[in-house]
Amino acid sequence: MNNTAINYRDLPAIRKAGLAALKKELGGVGAVYFLRQFSAGSGDYTKERKELLANDTPEEVLKGIRDMEAKRKTKNYHDNTDL
């Protein structure tokens, strides 16, 4: 299917062209494996985030992120020393 022939507001046509492109490049099985990586998810992220962060200040959240990054860097450094 030629790109100029696709009406980009026609979602079924875009889906069909996209699936055809995936199948052409990856084969049928590869296209399925690629598509299985994606999920719409479930739950209410906004509600869960508010509940999880209800008692944390922005500074506490930032400190937690920085602590996790420092821990990950230290772990990766030590993991790579055995190579």
PDB file of N, CA and C in Angstrom:
ATOM      1  N   MET A   1       0.857  -1.180   0.000  1.00  0.00           N
ATOM      2  CA  MET A   1       0.000   0.000   0.000  1.00  0.00           C
ATOM      3  C   MET A   1       0.897   1.236   0.000  1.00  0.00           C
ATOM      4  N   ASN A   2       0.628   2.148  -0.865  1.00  0.00           N
ATOM      5  CA  ASN A   2       1.401   3.378  -1.017  1.00  0.00           C
ATOM      6  C   ASN A   2       0.979   4.382   0.055  1.00  0.00           C
ATOM      7  N   ASN A   3       1.950   5.065   0.681  1.00  0.00           N
ATOM      8  CA  ASN A   3       1.630   6.036   1.732  1.00  0.00           C
ATOM      9  C   ASN A   3       0.679   7.126   1.265  1.00  0.00           C
ATOM     10  N   THR A   4       0.783   7.544   0.016  1.00  0.00           N
ATOM     11  CA  THR A   4      -0.092   8.617  -0.463  1.00  0.00           C
ATOM     12  C   THR A   4      -1.531   8.146  -0.578  1.00  0.00           C
ATOM     13  N   ALA A   5      -1.761   6.833  -0.612  1.00  0.00           N
ATOM     14  CA  ALA A   5      -3.114   6.314  -0.742  1.00  0.00           C
ATOM     15  C   ALA A   5      -3.802   6.138   0.608  1.00  0.00           C
ATOM     16  N   ILE A   6      -3.075   6.317   1.711  1.00  0.00           N
ATOM     17  CA  ILE A   6      -3.646   6.096   3.033  1.00  0.00           C
ATOM     18  C   ILE A   6      -4.270   7.379   3.562  1.00  0.00           C
ATOM     19  N   ASN A   7      -5.525   7.277   3.990  1.00  0.00           N
ATOM     20  CA  ASN A   7      -6.176   8.377   4.693  1.00  0.00           C
ATOM     21  C   ASN A   7      -5.826   8.207   6.166  1.00  0.00           C
ATOM     22  N   TYR A   8      -4.969   9.068   6.693  1.00  0.00           N
ATOM     23  CA  TYR A   8      -4.469   8.906   8.054  1.00  0.00           C
ATOM     24  C   TYR A   8      -5.520   9.141   9.129  1.00  0.00           C
ATOM     25  N   ARG A   9      -6.683   9.564   8.747  1.00  0.00           N
ATOM     26  CA  ARG A   9      -7.789   9.695   9.705  1.00  0.00           C
ATOM     27  C   ARG A   9      -8.656   8.445   9.717  1.00  0.00           C
ATOM     28  N   ASP A  10      -8.359   7.535   8.814  1.00  0.00           N
ATOM     29  CA  ASP A  10      -9.101   6.272   8.724  1.00  0.00           C
ATOM     30  C   ASP A  10      -8.321   5.217   9.515  1.00  0.00           C
ATOM     31  N   LEU A  11      -8.655   5.092  10.808  1.00  0.00           N
ATOM     32  CA  LEU A  11      -7.887   4.216  11.692  1.00  0.00           C
ATOM     33  C   LEU A  11      -7.844   2.758  11.234  1.00  0.00           C
ATOM     34  N   PRO A  12      -8.930   2.182  10.736  1.00  0.00           N
ATOM     35  CA  PRO A  12      -8.827   0.809  10.236  1.00  0.00           C
ATOM     36  C   PRO A  12      -7.838   0.689   9.059  1.00  0.00           C
ATOM     37  N   ALA A  13      -7.779   1.698   8.201  1.00  0.00           N
ATOM     38  CA  ALA A  13      -6.833   1.659   7.078  1.00  0.00           C
ATOM     39  C   ALA A  13      -5.396   1.750   7.574  1.00  0.00           C
ATOM     40  N   ILE A  14      -5.151   2.590   8.576  1.00  0.00           N
ATOM     41  CA  ILE A  14      -3.808   2.704   9.157  1.00  0.00           C
ATOM     42  C   ILE A  14      -3.414   1.386   9.806  1.00  0.00           C
ATOM     43  N   ARG A  15      -4.347   0.800  10.549  1.00  0.00           N
ATOM     44  CA  ARG A  15      -4.079  -0.480  11.208  1.00  0.00           C
ATOM     45  C   ARG A  15      -3.734  -1.544  10.175  1.00  0.00           C
ATOM     46  N   LYS A  16      -4.500  -1.598   9.095  1.00  0.00           N
ATOM     47  CA  LYS A  16      -4.268  -2.593   8.046  1.00  0.00           C
ATOM     48  C   LYS A  16      -2.895  -2.381   7.391  1.00  0.00           C
ATOM     49  N   ALA A  17      -2.560  -1.140   7.083  1.00  0.00           N
ATOM     50  CA  ALA A  17      -1.267  -0.837   6.465  1.00  0.00           C
ATOM     51  C   ALA A  17      -0.120  -1.160   7.430  1.00  0.00           C
ATOM     52  N   GLY A  18      -0.305  -0.843   8.697  1.00  0.00           N
ATOM     53  CA  GLY A  18       0.724  -1.126   9.696  1.00  0.00           C
ATOM     54  C   GLY A  18       0.960  -2.612   9.858  1.00  0.00           C
ATOM     55  N   LEU A  19      -0.111  -3.372   9.929  1.00  0.00           N
ATOM     56  CA  LEU A  19       0.029  -4.820  10.049  1.00  0.00           C
ATOM     57  C   LEU A  19       0.691  -5.415   8.810  1.00  0.00           C
ATOM     58  N   ALA A  20       0.342  -4.887   7.642  1.00  0.00           N
ATOM     59  CA  ALA A  20       0.971  -5.366   6.406  1.00  0.00           C
ATOM     60  C   ALA A  20       2.467  -5.073   6.411  1.00  0.00           C
ATOM     61  N   ALA A  21       2.852  -3.891   6.892  1.00  0.00           N
ATOM     62  CA  ALA A  21       4.269  -3.531   6.952  1.00  0.00           C
ATOM     63  C   ALA A  21       5.013  -4.428   7.941  1.00  0.00           C
ATOM     64  N   LEU A  22       4.410  -4.672   9.099  1.00  0.00           N
ATOM     65  CA  LEU A  22       5.046  -5.564  10.073  1.00  0.00           C
ATOM     66  C   LEU A  22       5.216  -6.964   9.511  1.00  0.00           C
ATOM     67  N   LYS A  23       4.176  -7.467   8.876  1.00  0.00           N
ATOM     68  CA  LYS A  23       4.237  -8.817   8.311  1.00  0.00           C
ATOM     69  C   LYS A  23       5.289  -8.892   7.208  1.00  0.00           C
ATOM     70  N   LYS A  24       5.381  -7.846   6.390  1.00  0.00           N
ATOM     71  CA  LYS A  24       6.361  -7.829   5.301  1.00  0.00           C
ATOM     72  C   LYS A  24       7.789  -7.857   5.862  1.00  0.00           C
ATOM     73  N   GLU A  25       8.049  -7.060   6.893  1.00  0.00           N
ATOM     74  CA  GLU A  25       9.402  -6.942   7.447  1.00  0.00           C
ATOM     75  C   GLU A  25       9.765  -8.060   8.407  1.00  0.00           C
ATOM     76  N   LEU A  26       8.796  -8.522   9.205  1.00  0.00           N
ATOM     77  CA  LEU A  26       9.095  -9.479  10.267  1.00  0.00           C
ATOM     78  C   LEU A  26       8.549 -10.875  10.019  1.00  0.00           C
ATOM     79  N   GLY A  27       7.694 -11.005   9.016  1.00  0.00           N
ATOM     80  CA  GLY A  27       6.992 -12.277   8.827  1.00  0.00           C
ATOM     81  C   GLY A  27       5.825 -12.339   9.790  1.00  0.00           C
ATOM     82  N   GLY A  28       4.963 -13.307   9.595  1.00  0.00           N
ATOM     83  CA  GLY A  28       3.764 -13.414  10.428  1.00  0.00           C
ATOM     84  C   GLY A  28       4.073 -13.631  11.892  1.00  0.00           C
ATOM     85  N   VAL A  29       4.958 -14.570  12.191  1.00  0.00           N
ATOM     86  CA  VAL A  29       5.295 -14.883  13.579  1.00  0.00           C
ATOM     87  C   VAL A  29       5.998 -13.700  14.247  1.00  0.00           C
ATOM     88  N   GLY A  30       6.949 -13.091  13.538  1.00  0.00           N
ATOM     89  CA  GLY A  30       7.655 -11.938  14.089  1.00  0.00           C
ATOM     90  C   GLY A  30       6.712 -10.785  14.372  1.00  0.00           C
ATOM     91  N   ALA A  31       5.743 -10.568  13.483  1.00  0.00           N
ATOM     92  CA  ALA A  31       4.770  -9.493  13.692  1.00  0.00           C
ATOM     93  C   ALA A  31       3.952  -9.746  14.955  1.00  0.00           C
ATOM     94  N   VAL A  32       3.562 -11.000  15.163  1.00  0.00           N
ATOM     95  CA  VAL A  32       2.785 -11.337  16.361  1.00  0.00           C
ATOM     96  C   VAL A  32       3.631 -11.115  17.623  1.00  0.00           C
ATOM     97  N   TYR A  33       4.884 -11.564  17.602  1.00  0.00           N
ATOM     98  CA  TYR A  33       5.753 -11.345  18.768  1.00  0.00           C
ATOM     99  C   TYR A  33       5.934  -9.850  19.043  1.00  0.00           C
ATOM    100  N   PHE A  34       6.081  -9.066  17.995  1.00  0.00           N
ATOM    101  CA  PHE A  34       6.210  -7.621  18.165  1.00  0.00           C
ATOM    102  C   PHE A  34       4.954  -7.038  18.813  1.00  0.00           C
ATOM    103  N   LEU A  35       3.801  -7.401  18.312  1.00  0.00           N
ATOM    104  CA  LEU A  35       2.548  -6.850  18.823  1.00  0.00           C
ATOM    105  C   LEU A  35       2.260  -7.290  20.255  1.00  0.00           C
ATOM    106  N   ARG A  36       2.737  -8.455  20.640  1.00  0.00           N
ATOM    107  CA  ARG A  36       2.492  -8.950  21.996  1.00  0.00           C
ATOM    108  C   ARG A  36       3.246  -8.140  23.048  1.00  0.00           C
ATOM    109  N   GLN A  37       4.174  -7.294  22.638  1.00  0.00           N
ATOM    110  CA  GLN A  37       4.918  -6.471  23.588  1.00  0.00           C
ATOM    111  C   GLN A  37       4.057  -5.343  24.161  1.00  0.00           C
ATOM    112  N   PHE A  38       2.958  -5.044  23.514  1.00  0.00           N
ATOM    113  CA  PHE A  38       2.166  -3.876  23.877  1.00  0.00           C
ATOM    114  C   PHE A  38       0.847  -4.287  24.509  1.00  0.00           C
ATOM    115  N   SER A  39       0.450  -3.528  25.519  1.00  0.00           N
ATOM    116  CA  SER A  39      -0.782  -3.809  26.234  1.00  0.00           C
ATOM    117  C   SER A  39      -1.421  -2.490  26.637  1.00  0.00           C
ATOM    118  N   ALA A  40      -2.717  -2.461  26.643  1.00  0.00           N
ATOM    119  CA  ALA A  40      -3.438  -1.252  27.042  1.00  0.00           C
ATOM    120  C   ALA A  40      -3.355  -1.032  28.549  1.00  0.00           C
ATOM    121  N   GLY A  41      -3.028  -2.074  29.294  1.00  0.00           N
ATOM    122  CA  GLY A  41      -2.940  -1.952  30.745  1.00  0.00           C
ATOM    123  C   GLY A  41      -4.312  -1.965  31.381  1.00  0.00           C
ATOM    124  N   SER A  42      -4.319  -1.805  32.690  1.00  0.00           N
ATOM    125  CA  SER A  42      -5.593  -1.797  33.408  1.00  0.00           C
ATOM    126  C   SER A  42      -5.438  -0.960  34.668  1.00  0.00           C
ATOM    127  N   GLY A  43      -6.538  -0.643  35.274  1.00  0.00           N
ATOM    128  CA  GLY A  43      -6.521   0.129  36.506  1.00  0.00           C
ATOM    129  C   GLY A  43      -6.604   1.622  36.243  1.00  0.00           C
ATOM    130  N   ASP A  44      -6.519   2.371  37.331  1.00  0.00           N
ATOM    131  CA  ASP A  44      -6.605   3.828  37.275  1.00  0.00           C
ATOM    132  C   ASP A  44      -5.279   4.394  37.761  1.00  0.00           C
ATOM    133  N   TYR A  45      -4.359   4.661  36.836  1.00  0.00           N
ATOM    134  CA  TYR A  45      -3.015   5.115  37.169  1.00  0.00           C
ATOM    135  C   TYR A  45      -3.052   6.399  37.995  1.00  0.00           C
ATOM    136  N   THR A  46      -3.906   7.339  37.639  1.00  0.00           N
ATOM    137  CA  THR A  46      -3.963   8.621  38.339  1.00  0.00           C
ATOM    138  C   THR A  46      -4.359   8.422  39.795  1.00  0.00           C
ATOM    139  N   LYS A  47      -5.362   7.610  40.038  1.00  0.00           N
ATOM    140  CA  LYS A  47      -5.813   7.341  41.404  1.00  0.00           C
ATOM    141  C   LYS A  47      -4.716   6.627  42.195  1.00  0.00           C
ATOM    142  N   GLU A  48      -4.100   5.609  41.583  1.00  0.00           N
ATOM    143  CA  GLU A  48      -3.042   4.859  42.264  1.00  0.00           C
ATOM    144  C   GLU A  48      -1.846   5.750  42.578  1.00  0.00           C
ATOM    145  N   ARG A  49      -1.472   6.623  41.646  1.00  0.00           N
ATOM    146  CA  ARG A  49      -0.345   7.528  41.868  1.00  0.00           C
ATOM    147  C   ARG A  49      -0.626   8.461  43.039  1.00  0.00           C
ATOM    148  N   LYS A  50      -1.844   9.011  43.084  1.00  0.00           N
ATOM    149  CA  LYS A  50      -2.207   9.910  44.187  1.00  0.00           C
ATOM    150  C   LYS A  50      -2.145   9.187  45.526  1.00  0.00           C
ATOM    151  N   GLU A  51      -2.594   7.935  45.553  1.00  0.00           N
ATOM    152  CA  GLU A  51      -2.556   7.162  46.793  1.00  0.00           C
ATOM    153  C   GLU A  51      -1.115   6.848  47.199  1.00  0.00           C
ATOM    154  N   LEU A  52      -0.294   6.465  46.230  1.00  0.00           N
ATOM    155  CA  LEU A  52       1.095   6.107  46.525  1.00  0.00           C
ATOM    156  C   LEU A  52       1.915   7.302  46.994  1.00  0.00           C
ATOM    157  N   LEU A  53       1.636   8.458  46.441  1.00  0.00           N
ATOM    158  CA  LEU A  53       2.423   9.651  46.752  1.00  0.00           C
ATOM    159  C   LEU A  53       1.738  10.597  47.729  1.00  0.00           C
ATOM    160  N   ALA A  54       0.646  10.161  48.336  1.00  0.00           N
ATOM    161  CA  ALA A  54      -0.159  11.038  49.191  1.00  0.00           C
ATOM    162  C   ALA A  54       0.643  11.653  50.333  1.00  0.00           C
ATOM    163  N   ASN A  55       1.572  10.904  50.901  1.00  0.00           N
ATOM    164  CA  ASN A  55       2.302  11.388  52.075  1.00  0.00           C
ATOM    165  C   ASN A  55       3.715  11.856  51.752  1.00  0.00           C
ATOM    166  N   ASP A  56       4.082  11.869  50.483  1.00  0.00           N
ATOM    167  CA  ASP A  56       5.432  12.258  50.085  1.00  0.00           C
ATOM    168  C   ASP A  56       5.451  13.671  49.517  1.00  0.00           C
ATOM    169  N   THR A  57       6.468  14.425  49.890  1.00  0.00           N
ATOM    170  CA  THR A  57       6.678  15.738  49.298  1.00  0.00           C
ATOM    171  C   THR A  57       7.455  15.551  47.990  1.00  0.00           C
ATOM    172  N   PRO A  58       7.437  16.530  47.119  1.00  0.00           N
ATOM    173  CA  PRO A  58       8.237  16.422  45.893  1.00  0.00           C
ATOM    174  C   PRO A  58       9.720  16.199  46.198  1.00  0.00           C
ATOM    175  N   GLU A  59      10.198  16.799  47.263  1.00  0.00           N
ATOM    176  CA  GLU A  59      11.607  16.631  47.639  1.00  0.00           C
ATOM    177  C   GLU A  59      11.911  15.186  48.025  1.00  0.00           C
ATOM    178  N   GLU A  60      10.972  14.556  48.743  1.00  0.00           N
ATOM    179  CA  GLU A  60      11.160  13.156  49.142  1.00  0.00           C
ATOM    180  C   GLU A  60      11.151  12.226  47.927  1.00  0.00           C
ATOM    181  N   VAL A  61      10.263  12.506  46.981  1.00  0.00           N
ATOM    182  CA  VAL A  61      10.206  11.706  45.759  1.00  0.00           C
ATOM    183  C   VAL A  61      11.512  11.840  44.989  1.00  0.00           C
ATOM    184  N   LEU A  62      11.997  13.068  44.847  1.00  0.00           N
ATOM    185  CA  LEU A  62      13.257  13.310  44.133  1.00  0.00           C
ATOM    186  C   LEU A  62      14.422  12.621  44.827  1.00  0.00           C
ATOM    187  N   LYS A  63      14.464  12.674  46.146  1.00  0.00           N
ATOM    188  CA  LYS A  63      15.526  12.005  46.894  1.00  0.00           C
ATOM    189  C   LYS A  63      15.465  10.496  46.652  1.00  0.00           C
ATOM    190  N   GLY A  64      14.268   9.936  46.635  1.00  0.00           N
ATOM    191  CA  GLY A  64      14.107   8.504  46.371  1.00  0.00           C
ATOM    192  C   GLY A  64      14.616   8.121  44.992  1.00  0.00           C
ATOM    193  N   ILE A  65      14.327   8.954  44.005  1.00  0.00           N
ATOM    194  CA  ILE A  65      14.806   8.704  42.635  1.00  0.00           C
ATOM    195  C   ILE A  65      16.321   8.752  42.595  1.00  0.00           C
ATOM    196  N   ARG A  66      16.895   9.763  43.220  1.00  0.00           N
ATOM    197  CA  ARG A  66      18.356   9.896  43.234  1.00  0.00           C
ATOM    198  C   ARG A  66      19.015   8.723  43.958  1.00  0.00           C
ATOM    199  N   ASP A  67      18.412   8.284  45.060  1.00  0.00           N
ATOM    200  CA  ASP A  67      18.946   7.136  45.794  1.00  0.00           C
ATOM    201  C   ASP A  67      18.917   5.872  44.930  1.00  0.00           C
ATOM    202  N   MET A  68      17.800   5.660  44.213  1.00  0.00           N
ATOM    203  CA  MET A  68      17.703   4.484  43.340  1.00  0.00           C
ATOM    204  C   MET A  68      18.735   4.544  42.219  1.00  0.00           C
ATOM    205  N   GLU A  69      18.932   5.722  41.634  1.00  0.00           N
ATOM    206  CA  GLU A  69      19.925   5.870  40.568  1.00  0.00           C
ATOM    207  C   GLU A  69      21.330   5.584  41.081  1.00  0.00           C
ATOM    208  N   ALA A  70      21.658   6.100  42.256  1.00  0.00           N
ATOM    209  CA  ALA A  70      22.984   5.873  42.828  1.00  0.00           C
ATOM    210  C   ALA A  70      23.185   4.395  43.131  1.00  0.00           C
ATOM    211  N   LYS A  71      22.158   3.751  43.647  1.00  0.00           N
ATOM    212  CA  LYS A  71      22.239   2.323  43.953  1.00  0.00           C
ATOM    213  C   LYS A  71      22.424   1.510  42.680  1.00  0.00           C
ATOM    214  N   ARG A  72      21.687   1.868  41.627  1.00  0.00           N
ATOM    215  CA  ARG A  72      21.787   1.147  40.356  1.00  0.00           C
ATOM    216  C   ARG A  72      23.184   1.328  39.747  1.00  0.00           C
ATOM    217  N   LYS A  73      23.712   2.539  39.793  1.00  0.00           N
ATOM    218  CA  LYS A  73      25.051   2.787  39.254  1.00  0.00           C
ATOM    219  C   LYS A  73      26.098   1.989  40.008  1.00  0.00           C
ATOM    220  N   THR A  74      25.986   1.946  41.320  1.00  0.00           N
ATOM    221  CA  THR A  74      26.932   1.187  42.139  1.00  0.00           C
ATOM    222  C   THR A  74      26.821  -0.296  41.829  1.00  0.00           C
ATOM    223  N   LYS A  75      25.608  -0.798  41.709  1.00  0.00           N
ATOM    224  CA  LYS A  75      25.381  -2.218  41.399  1.00  0.00           C
ATOM    225  C   LYS A  75      25.956  -2.543  40.027  1.00  0.00           C
ATOM    226  N   ASN A  76      25.673  -1.723  39.022  1.00  0.00           N
ATOM    227  CA  ASN A  76      26.182  -1.963  37.670  1.00  0.00           C
ATOM    228  C   ASN A  76      27.700  -1.914  37.647  1.00  0.00           C
ATOM    229  N   TYR A  77      28.296  -0.999  38.403  1.00  0.00           N
ATOM    230  CA  TYR A  77      29.766  -0.893  38.433  1.00  0.00           C
ATOM    231  C   TYR A  77      30.341  -2.181  38.995  1.00  0.00           C
ATOM    232  N   HIS A  78      29.775  -2.655  40.100  1.00  0.00           N
ATOM    233  CA  HIS A  78      30.300  -3.874  40.714  1.00  0.00           C
ATOM    234  C   HIS A  78      30.023  -5.104  39.851  1.00  0.00           C
ATOM    235  N   ASP A  79      28.876  -5.148  39.189  1.00  0.00           N
ATOM    236  CA  ASP A  79      28.553  -6.280  38.318  1.00  0.00           C
ATOM    237  C   ASP A  79      29.524  -6.367  37.149  1.00  0.00           C
ATOM    238  N   ASN A  80      29.981  -5.235  36.638  1.00  0.00           N
ATOM    239  CA  ASN A  80      30.867  -5.223  35.467  1.00  0.00           C
ATOM    240  C   ASN A  80      32.321  -5.489  35.802  1.00  0.00           C
ATOM    241  N   THR A  81      32.700  -5.466  37.073  1.00  0.00           N
ATOM    242  CA  THR A  81      34.101  -5.666  37.431  1.00  0.00           C
ATOM    243  C   THR A  81      34.529  -7.113  37.229  1.00  0.00           C
ATOM    244  N   ASP A  82      33.573  -8.033  37.149  1.00  0.00           N
ATOM    245  CA  ASP A  82      33.904  -9.447  36.973  1.00  0.00           C
ATOM    246  C   ASP A  82      34.124  -9.830  35.522  1.00  0.00           C
ATOM    247  N   LEU A  83      33.875  -8.912  34.601  1.00  0.00           N
ATOM    248  CA  LEU A  83      33.992  -9.241  33.173  1.00  0.00           C
ATOM    249  C   LEU A  83      35.409  -9.424  32.738  1.00  0.00           C
TER     250      LEU A  83
END
